[in-house]
Amino acid sequence: MDRLVQTTQELLNFRLNAAQRHAFEVYARELLDWNAHTNLTAITDPADIEMRHFVDSLSCLSVINPRQGALRVIDVGTGAGFPGIPIKIACPAIDLVLVEATVKKVRFLEHIAEQLGLEHVSIIHARAESLGQIADHREQYDWVLARAVAALPILAEYLLPLCRIGGHCLPQKGETAHQEVIEAQHAINLLGGKVIQLTPVELPTVVDTRYLVDIEKVASTPPKYPRRPGMPSKRPLG
């Protein structure tokens, strides 16, 4: 994990301590062990796991201020825990909810949370469209995260209903980020959001630039959104 510690320090000015480094070592080992029988990730080279999973997830901290303390954070479509679990390891004070619709991935999330001894982490087996209509989750979160889930016009309907007014959504995007923002502008406005900035992230050994799309929640989402599961992807708001 030398590259992880060094890159996190250089890229984010964030120093991981020995316990955090050990947690990432356990995380990588368990990810590979489970991946041998459960399809969790196509990335299996340890160096790539460090960079493309761990550092990429931690890059969110260039926008999120971890010094704000007990933030309520929800990670939608988290898969094997990215970006939520790496952020939780680095910032243990956050209150984290992981949302995943695939049962086998939920089982891994439960396992790794126990292995790492993570506190104040909830794992929910659900679709984002359903969760966004539940009072305990609707407009309750300071930060709503997502990585590699859907195109932004669709993703906006998953994320913004969960975000409190004054909070932020932070989808991670690749080279198509600017075009996706243009295509999603109507949906973002309709759902109560406003794009604040796109922050480029240059990861060592990764050719393509990554982008953090910071969307502030400036108004309440109309009650009919999100629509029923499957509708946002079938009929994106446009």
C-alpha atoms as a PDB file:
ATOM      1  CA  MET A   1       0.000   0.000   0.000  1.00  0.00           C
ATOM      2  CA  ASP A   2       2.980   2.348  -0.358  1.00  0.00           C
ATOM      3  CA  ARG A   3       1.594   3.814  -3.584  1.00  0.00           C
ATOM      4  CA  LEU A   4      -1.800   4.380  -1.960  1.00  0.00           C
ATOM      5  CA  VAL A   5      -0.302   6.239   1.009  1.00  0.00           C
ATOM      6  CA  GLN A   6       2.020   8.306  -1.186  1.00  0.00           C
ATOM      7  CA  THR A   7      -0.593   9.216  -3.792  1.00  0.00           C
ATOM      8  CA  THR A   8      -3.211  10.115  -1.203  1.00  0.00           C
ATOM      9  CA  GLN A   9      -0.714  12.441   0.438  1.00  0.00           C
ATOM     10  CA  GLU A  10       0.354  14.053  -2.842  1.00  0.00           C
ATOM     11  CA  LEU A  11      -3.050  14.247  -4.502  1.00  0.00           C
ATOM     12  CA  LEU A  12      -5.243  15.126  -1.537  1.00  0.00           C
ATOM     13  CA  ASN A  13      -2.802  16.304   1.135  1.00  0.00           C
ATOM     14  CA  PHE A  14      -4.341  13.569   3.290  1.00  0.00           C
ATOM     15  CA  ARG A  15      -2.120  11.285   5.340  1.00  0.00           C
ATOM     16  CA  LEU A  16      -3.322   7.745   6.040  1.00  0.00           C
ATOM     17  CA  ASN A  17      -2.182   6.350   9.385  1.00  0.00           C
ATOM     18  CA  ALA A  18      -0.967   2.799  10.051  1.00  0.00           C
ATOM     19  CA  ALA A  19      -4.412   1.525  11.061  1.00  0.00           C
ATOM     20  CA  GLN A  20      -5.981   2.931   7.902  1.00  0.00           C
ATOM     21  CA  ARG A  21      -3.261   1.429   5.746  1.00  0.00           C
ATOM     22  CA  HIS A  22      -3.889  -1.956   7.376  1.00  0.00           C
ATOM     23  CA  ALA A  23      -7.635  -1.591   6.718  1.00  0.00           C
ATOM     24  CA  PHE A  24      -6.963  -1.050   3.018  1.00  0.00           C
ATOM     25  CA  GLU A  25      -4.697  -4.117   2.958  1.00  0.00           C
ATOM     26  CA  VAL A  26      -7.510  -6.216   4.465  1.00  0.00           C
ATOM     27  CA  TYR A  27     -10.018  -4.695   2.058  1.00  0.00           C
ATOM     28  CA  ALA A  28      -7.880  -5.547  -0.993  1.00  0.00           C
ATOM     29  CA  ARG A  29      -7.265  -9.093   0.225  1.00  0.00           C
ATOM     30  CA  GLU A  30     -10.923  -9.786   0.949  1.00  0.00           C
ATOM     31  CA  LEU A  31     -11.994  -8.224  -2.353  1.00  0.00           C
ATOM     32  CA  LEU A  32      -9.717 -10.568  -4.292  1.00  0.00           C
ATOM     33  CA  ASP A  33     -10.677 -13.608  -2.211  1.00  0.00           C
ATOM     34  CA  TRP A  34     -14.388 -13.025  -2.749  1.00  0.00           C
ATOM     35  CA  ASN A  35     -13.895 -12.121  -6.380  1.00  0.00           C
ATOM     36  CA  ALA A  36     -12.596 -15.630  -7.017  1.00  0.00           C
ATOM     37  CA  HIS A  37     -16.141 -16.952  -6.561  1.00  0.00           C
ATOM     38  CA  THR A  38     -18.301 -13.817  -6.762  1.00  0.00           C
ATOM     39  CA  ASN A  39     -18.067 -11.317  -9.588  1.00  0.00           C
ATOM     40  CA  LEU A  40     -17.324  -8.094  -7.713  1.00  0.00           C
ATOM     41  CA  THR A  41     -14.755  -6.355  -9.914  1.00  0.00           C
ATOM     42  CA  ALA A  42     -12.964  -6.738 -13.238  1.00  0.00           C
ATOM     43  CA  ILE A  43      -9.915  -5.066 -11.680  1.00  0.00           C
ATOM     44  CA  THR A  44      -7.752  -7.766 -10.086  1.00  0.00           C
ATOM     45  CA  ASP A  45      -4.207  -6.431 -10.232  1.00  0.00           C
ATOM     46  CA  PRO A  46      -3.274  -5.227  -6.708  1.00  0.00           C
ATOM     47  CA  ALA A  47      -1.668  -2.025  -8.031  1.00  0.00           C
ATOM     48  CA  ASP A  48      -4.794  -1.262 -10.060  1.00  0.00           C
ATOM     49  CA  ILE A  49      -7.006  -1.901  -7.046  1.00  0.00           C
ATOM     50  CA  GLU A  50      -4.995   0.670  -5.099  1.00  0.00           C
ATOM     51  CA  MET A  51      -5.269   3.282  -7.836  1.00  0.00           C
ATOM     52  CA  ARG A  52      -8.534   2.613  -9.686  1.00  0.00           C
ATOM     53  CA  HIS A  53     -10.602   1.661  -6.639  1.00  0.00           C
ATOM     54  CA  PHE A  54      -9.013   3.107  -3.506  1.00  0.00           C
ATOM     55  CA  VAL A  55      -7.377   6.347  -4.674  1.00  0.00           C
ATOM     56  CA  ASP A  56     -10.194   7.004  -7.133  1.00  0.00           C
ATOM     57  CA  SER A  57     -12.700   6.713  -4.275  1.00  0.00           C
ATOM     58  CA  LEU A  58     -10.617   8.884  -1.953  1.00  0.00           C
ATOM     59  CA  SER A  59     -10.402  11.581  -4.624  1.00  0.00           C
ATOM     60  CA  CYS A  60     -13.912  12.594  -3.503  1.00  0.00           C
ATOM     61  CA  LEU A  61     -12.205  14.156  -0.481  1.00  0.00           C
ATOM     62  CA  SER A  62     -10.865  16.887  -2.754  1.00  0.00           C
ATOM     63  CA  VAL A  63     -14.479  18.198  -2.738  1.00  0.00           C
ATOM     64  CA  ILE A  64     -15.931  16.810   0.505  1.00  0.00           C
ATOM     65  CA  ASN A  65     -14.520  18.493   3.599  1.00  0.00           C
ATOM     66  CA  PRO A  66     -13.847  15.653   6.079  1.00  0.00           C
ATOM     67  CA  ARG A  67     -13.286  18.182   8.862  1.00  0.00           C
ATOM     68  CA  GLN A  68     -17.036  18.839   8.916  1.00  0.00           C
ATOM     69  CA  GLY A  69     -17.328  15.784  11.168  1.00  0.00           C
ATOM     70  CA  ALA A  70     -20.397  13.537  11.373  1.00  0.00           C
ATOM     71  CA  LEU A  71     -21.694  14.074   7.859  1.00  0.00           C
ATOM     72  CA  ARG A  72     -24.521  11.858   6.624  1.00  0.00           C
ATOM     73  CA  VAL A  73     -23.252  10.222   3.444  1.00  0.00           C
ATOM     74  CA  ILE A  74     -25.057   7.775   1.151  1.00  0.00           C
ATOM     75  CA  ASP A  75     -23.350   5.819  -1.627  1.00  0.00           C
ATOM     76  CA  VAL A  76     -25.821   4.751  -4.327  1.00  0.00           C
ATOM     77  CA  GLY A  77     -25.057   1.630  -6.364  1.00  0.00           C
ATOM     78  CA  THR A  78     -21.920   1.068  -4.318  1.00  0.00           C
ATOM     79  CA  GLY A  79     -21.073  -2.366  -5.749  1.00  0.00           C
ATOM     80  CA  ALA A  80     -18.111  -3.657  -3.740  1.00  0.00           C
ATOM     81  CA  GLY A  81     -18.116  -0.494  -1.622  1.00  0.00           C
ATOM     82  CA  PHE A  82     -16.776   2.250  -3.868  1.00  0.00           C
ATOM     83  CA  PRO A  83     -16.428   5.082  -3.129  1.00  0.00           C
ATOM     84  CA  GLY A  84     -18.129   4.821   0.264  1.00  0.00           C
ATOM     85  CA  ILE A  85     -15.962   2.376   2.210  1.00  0.00           C
ATOM     86  CA  PRO A  86     -12.583   3.938   1.331  1.00  0.00           C
ATOM     87  CA  ILE A  87     -13.983   7.319   2.389  1.00  0.00           C
ATOM     88  CA  LYS A  88     -15.259   5.783   5.649  1.00  0.00           C
ATOM     89  CA  ILE A  89     -11.835   4.269   6.346  1.00  0.00           C
ATOM     90  CA  ALA A  90     -10.215   7.662   5.838  1.00  0.00           C
ATOM     91  CA  CYS A  91     -12.946   9.624   7.661  1.00  0.00           C
ATOM     92  CA  PRO A  92     -14.390   7.390  10.404  1.00  0.00           C
ATOM     93  CA  ALA A  93     -16.628  10.159  11.796  1.00  0.00           C
ATOM     94  CA  ILE A  94     -19.025  10.082   8.844  1.00  0.00           C
ATOM     95  CA  ASP A  95     -22.357   8.277   9.081  1.00  0.00           C
ATOM     96  CA  LEU A  96     -22.396   6.071   5.967  1.00  0.00           C
ATOM     97  CA  VAL A  97     -25.218   4.312   4.143  1.00  0.00           C
ATOM     98  CA  LEU A  98     -24.370   1.904   1.318  1.00  0.00           C
ATOM     99  CA  VAL A  99     -27.108   1.128  -1.207  1.00  0.00           C
ATOM    100  CA  GLU A 100     -26.808  -1.884  -3.507  1.00  0.00           C
ATOM    101  CA  ALA A 101     -29.426  -3.792  -5.523  1.00  0.00           C
ATOM    102  CA  THR A 102     -27.402  -7.005  -6.084  1.00  0.00           C
ATOM    103  CA  VAL A 103     -27.638  -9.534  -3.247  1.00  0.00           C
ATOM    104  CA  LYS A 104     -24.169 -11.080  -3.686  1.00  0.00           C
ATOM    105  CA  LYS A 105     -22.593  -7.631  -3.436  1.00  0.00           C
ATOM    106  CA  VAL A 106     -24.663  -6.832  -0.347  1.00  0.00           C
ATOM    107  CA  ARG A 107     -23.274  -9.982   1.287  1.00  0.00           C
ATOM    108  CA  PHE A 108     -19.730  -8.841   0.558  1.00  0.00           C
ATOM    109  CA  LEU A 109     -20.459  -5.384   1.955  1.00  0.00           C
ATOM    110  CA  GLU A 110     -21.772  -6.902   5.171  1.00  0.00           C
ATOM    111  CA  HIS A 111     -18.687  -9.107   5.400  1.00  0.00           C
ATOM    112  CA  ILE A 112     -16.127  -6.371   4.782  1.00  0.00           C
ATOM    113  CA  ALA A 113     -17.829  -3.923   7.145  1.00  0.00           C
ATOM    114  CA  GLU A 114     -17.578  -6.566   9.880  1.00  0.00           C
ATOM    115  CA  GLN A 115     -13.986  -7.475   8.996  1.00  0.00           C
ATOM    116  CA  LEU A 116     -12.923  -3.829   9.165  1.00  0.00           C
ATOM    117  CA  GLY A 117     -14.904  -3.126  12.327  1.00  0.00           C
ATOM    118  CA  LEU A 118     -16.666  -0.178  10.714  1.00  0.00           C
ATOM    119  CA  GLU A 119     -19.143   1.629  12.951  1.00  0.00           C
ATOM    120  CA  HIS A 120     -22.108   3.766  11.871  1.00  0.00           C
ATOM    121  CA  VAL A 121     -22.373   1.986   8.523  1.00  0.00           C
ATOM    122  CA  SER A 122     -25.749   0.805   7.233  1.00  0.00           C
ATOM    123  CA  ILE A 123     -26.077  -1.496   4.221  1.00  0.00           C
ATOM    124  CA  ILE A 124     -29.381  -1.439   2.352  1.00  0.00           C
ATOM    125  CA  HIS A 125     -30.464  -3.903  -0.309  1.00  0.00           C
ATOM    126  CA  ALA A 126     -32.657  -1.657  -2.457  1.00  0.00           C
ATOM    127  CA  ARG A 127     -33.099   0.303  -5.652  1.00  0.00           C
ATOM    128  CA  ALA A 128     -32.400   4.026  -5.404  1.00  0.00           C
ATOM    129  CA  GLU A 129     -35.798   4.837  -6.926  1.00  0.00           C
ATOM    130  CA  SER A 130     -37.563   3.052  -4.058  1.00  0.00           C
ATOM    131  CA  LEU A 131     -35.338   4.536  -1.355  1.00  0.00           C
ATOM    132  CA  GLY A 132     -35.911   8.069  -2.602  1.00  0.00           C
ATOM    133  CA  GLN A 133     -39.620   7.778  -1.795  1.00  0.00           C
ATOM    134  CA  ILE A 134     -39.083   6.617   1.800  1.00  0.00           C
ATOM    135  CA  ALA A 135     -39.353   9.398   4.389  1.00  0.00           C
ATOM    136  CA  ASP A 136     -36.389   8.185   6.461  1.00  0.00           C
ATOM    137  CA  HIS A 137     -34.117   8.643   3.444  1.00  0.00           C
ATOM    138  CA  ARG A 138     -35.737  11.273   1.246  1.00  0.00           C
ATOM    139  CA  GLU A 139     -33.799  14.568   1.410  1.00  0.00           C
ATOM    140  CA  GLN A 140     -31.855  13.368   4.470  1.00  0.00           C
ATOM    141  CA  TYR A 141     -28.211  13.268   3.333  1.00  0.00           C
ATOM    142  CA  ASP A 142     -25.404  15.823   3.275  1.00  0.00           C
ATOM    143  CA  TRP A 143     -23.553  14.027   0.469  1.00  0.00           C
ATOM    144  CA  VAL A 144     -24.963  11.594  -2.080  1.00  0.00           C
ATOM    145  CA  LEU A 145     -22.246   9.686  -3.950  1.00  0.00           C
ATOM    146  CA  ALA A 146     -22.214   7.424  -6.996  1.00  0.00           C
ATOM    147  CA  ARG A 147     -19.546   5.911  -9.222  1.00  0.00           C
ATOM    148  CA  ALA A 148     -20.071   4.181 -12.586  1.00  0.00           C
ATOM    149  CA  VAL A 149     -23.826   3.759 -12.046  1.00  0.00           C
ATOM    150  CA  ALA A 150     -25.585   5.459 -14.993  1.00  0.00           C
ATOM    151  CA  ALA A 151     -25.479   8.409 -17.367  1.00  0.00           C
ATOM    152  CA  LEU A 152     -26.038  11.708 -15.549  1.00  0.00           C
ATOM    153  CA  PRO A 153     -29.572  12.414 -16.881  1.00  0.00           C
ATOM    154  CA  ILE A 154     -30.614   9.111 -15.264  1.00  0.00           C
ATOM    155  CA  LEU A 155     -28.348   9.388 -12.237  1.00  0.00           C
ATOM    156  CA  ALA A 156     -29.754  12.782 -11.267  1.00  0.00           C
ATOM    157  CA  GLU A 157     -33.123  11.153 -10.579  1.00  0.00           C
ATOM    158  CA  TYR A 158     -31.469   8.522  -8.388  1.00  0.00           C
ATOM    159  CA  LEU A 159     -29.393  10.952  -6.337  1.00  0.00           C
ATOM    160  CA  LEU A 160     -31.115  14.313  -5.902  1.00  0.00           C
ATOM    161  CA  PRO A 161     -34.240  13.013  -4.095  1.00  0.00           C
ATOM    162  CA  LEU A 162     -31.954  11.651  -1.356  1.00  0.00           C
ATOM    163  CA  CYS A 163     -30.049  14.910  -0.851  1.00  0.00           C
ATOM    164  CA  ARG A 164     -31.111  17.497   1.712  1.00  0.00           C
ATOM    165  CA  ILE A 165     -31.497  21.104   0.649  1.00  0.00           C
ATOM    166  CA  GLY A 166     -28.062  22.648   1.054  1.00  0.00           C
ATOM    167  CA  GLY A 167     -26.406  19.255   0.623  1.00  0.00           C
ATOM    168  CA  HIS A 168     -24.514  17.981  -2.407  1.00  0.00           C
ATOM    169  CA  CYS A 169     -24.541  15.124  -4.886  1.00  0.00           C
ATOM    170  CA  LEU A 170     -21.133  14.015  -6.130  1.00  0.00           C
ATOM    171  CA  PRO A 171     -21.205  11.600  -9.059  1.00  0.00           C
ATOM    172  CA  GLN A 172     -17.810  10.466 -10.347  1.00  0.00           C
ATOM    173  CA  LYS A 173     -17.511  10.633 -14.115  1.00  0.00           C
ATOM    174  CA  GLY A 174     -14.982  10.034 -16.878  1.00  0.00           C
ATOM    175  CA  GLU A 175     -14.150  11.939 -20.046  1.00  0.00           C
ATOM    176  CA  THR A 176     -17.841  12.352 -20.957  1.00  0.00           C
ATOM    177  CA  ALA A 177     -18.535  14.434 -17.840  1.00  0.00           C
ATOM    178  CA  HIS A 178     -18.946  17.811 -19.561  1.00  0.00           C
ATOM    179  CA  GLN A 179     -21.316  16.450 -22.213  1.00  0.00           C
ATOM    180  CA  GLU A 180     -23.321  14.538 -19.615  1.00  0.00           C
ATOM    181  CA  VAL A 181     -23.769  17.723 -17.566  1.00  0.00           C
ATOM    182  CA  ILE A 182     -25.149  19.494 -20.629  1.00  0.00           C
ATOM    183  CA  GLU A 183     -27.532  16.615 -21.355  1.00  0.00           C
ATOM    184  CA  ALA A 184     -28.645  16.422 -17.714  1.00  0.00           C
ATOM    185  CA  GLN A 185     -29.194  20.141 -17.167  1.00  0.00           C
ATOM    186  CA  HIS A 186     -32.992  19.985 -17.452  1.00  0.00           C
ATOM    187  CA  ALA A 187     -33.223  16.974 -15.128  1.00  0.00           C
ATOM    188  CA  ILE A 188     -30.913  18.547 -12.546  1.00  0.00           C
ATOM    189  CA  ASN A 189     -32.901  21.807 -12.517  1.00  0.00           C
ATOM    190  CA  LEU A 190     -36.252  19.984 -12.355  1.00  0.00           C
ATOM    191  CA  LEU A 191     -35.111  17.877  -9.397  1.00  0.00           C
ATOM    192  CA  GLY A 192     -33.848  20.859  -7.379  1.00  0.00           C
ATOM    193  CA  GLY A 193     -30.152  20.765  -8.198  1.00  0.00           C
ATOM    194  CA  LYS A 194     -27.548  23.203  -9.463  1.00  0.00           C
ATOM    195  CA  VAL A 195     -24.156  22.228 -10.893  1.00  0.00           C
ATOM    196  CA  ILE A 196     -21.459  24.019  -8.885  1.00  0.00           C
ATOM    197  CA  GLN A 197     -18.266  22.753 -10.509  1.00  0.00           C
ATOM    198  CA  LEU A 198     -16.500  19.906 -12.261  1.00  0.00           C
ATOM    199  CA  THR A 199     -13.259  19.004 -10.527  1.00  0.00           C
ATOM    200  CA  PRO A 200     -10.711  17.119 -12.670  1.00  0.00           C
ATOM    201  CA  VAL A 201      -8.823  14.244 -11.039  1.00  0.00           C
ATOM    202  CA  GLU A 202      -5.565  12.980 -12.554  1.00  0.00           C
ATOM    203  CA  LEU A 203      -4.642   9.560 -11.194  1.00  0.00           C
ATOM    204  CA  PRO A 204      -1.111   8.246 -11.666  1.00  0.00           C
ATOM    205  CA  THR A 205      -0.991   5.307 -14.120  1.00  0.00           C
ATOM    206  CA  VAL A 206      -4.540   6.127 -15.332  1.00  0.00           C
ATOM    207  CA  VAL A 207      -4.607   7.785 -18.745  1.00  0.00           C
ATOM    208  CA  ASP A 208      -8.103   9.267 -18.746  1.00  0.00           C
ATOM    209  CA  THR A 209      -9.026  12.258 -16.615  1.00  0.00           C
ATOM    210  CA  ARG A 210     -11.716  11.648 -14.017  1.00  0.00           C
ATOM    211  CA  TYR A 211     -14.211  14.317 -12.941  1.00  0.00           C
ATOM    212  CA  LEU A 212     -16.121  14.977  -9.745  1.00  0.00           C
ATOM    213  CA  VAL A 213     -19.447  16.627 -10.614  1.00  0.00           C
ATOM    214  CA  ASP A 214     -20.514  18.751  -7.640  1.00  0.00           C
ATOM    215  CA  ILE A 215     -24.287  19.333  -7.672  1.00  0.00           C
ATOM    216  CA  GLU A 216     -25.786  21.408  -4.864  1.00  0.00           C
ATOM    217  CA  LYS A 217     -29.375  20.779  -3.785  1.00  0.00           C
ATOM    218  CA  VAL A 218     -30.982  24.238  -3.909  1.00  0.00           C
ATOM    219  CA  ALA A 219     -34.697  23.345  -3.908  1.00  0.00           C
ATOM    220  CA  SER A 220     -36.922  20.483  -2.843  1.00  0.00           C
ATOM    221  CA  THR A 221     -37.436  17.651  -5.334  1.00  0.00           C
ATOM    222  CA  PRO A 222     -41.051  17.451  -6.623  1.00  0.00           C
ATOM    223  CA  PRO A 223     -42.909  14.630  -4.825  1.00  0.00           C
ATOM    224  CA  LYS A 224     -43.429  12.473  -7.936  1.00  0.00           C
ATOM    225  CA  TYR A 225     -39.664  11.956  -8.313  1.00  0.00           C
ATOM    226  CA  PRO A 226     -38.013   9.520  -8.316  1.00  0.00           C
ATOM    227  CA  ARG A 227     -40.422   7.569 -10.489  1.00  0.00           C
ATOM    228  CA  ARG A 228     -40.956   3.859  -9.993  1.00  0.00           C
ATOM    229  CA  PRO A 229     -37.956   1.501 -10.409  1.00  0.00           C
ATOM    230  CA  GLY A 230     -36.818   1.221 -14.000  1.00  0.00           C
ATOM    231  CA  MET A 231     -38.531   4.378 -15.267  1.00  0.00           C
ATOM    232  CA  PRO A 232     -35.549   6.767 -14.962  1.00  0.00           C
ATOM    233  CA  SER A 233     -33.456   4.532 -17.212  1.00  0.00           C
ATOM    234  CA  LYS A 234     -36.283   3.818 -19.667  1.00  0.00           C
ATOM    235  CA  ARG A 235     -37.428   7.426 -19.934  1.00  0.00           C
ATOM    236  CA  PRO A 236     -34.675   9.795 -18.751  1.00  0.00           C
ATOM    237  CA  LEU A 237     -35.807  13.298 -17.884  1.00  0.00           C
ATOM    238  CA  GLY A 238     -34.879  15.507 -20.794  1.00  0.00           C
END
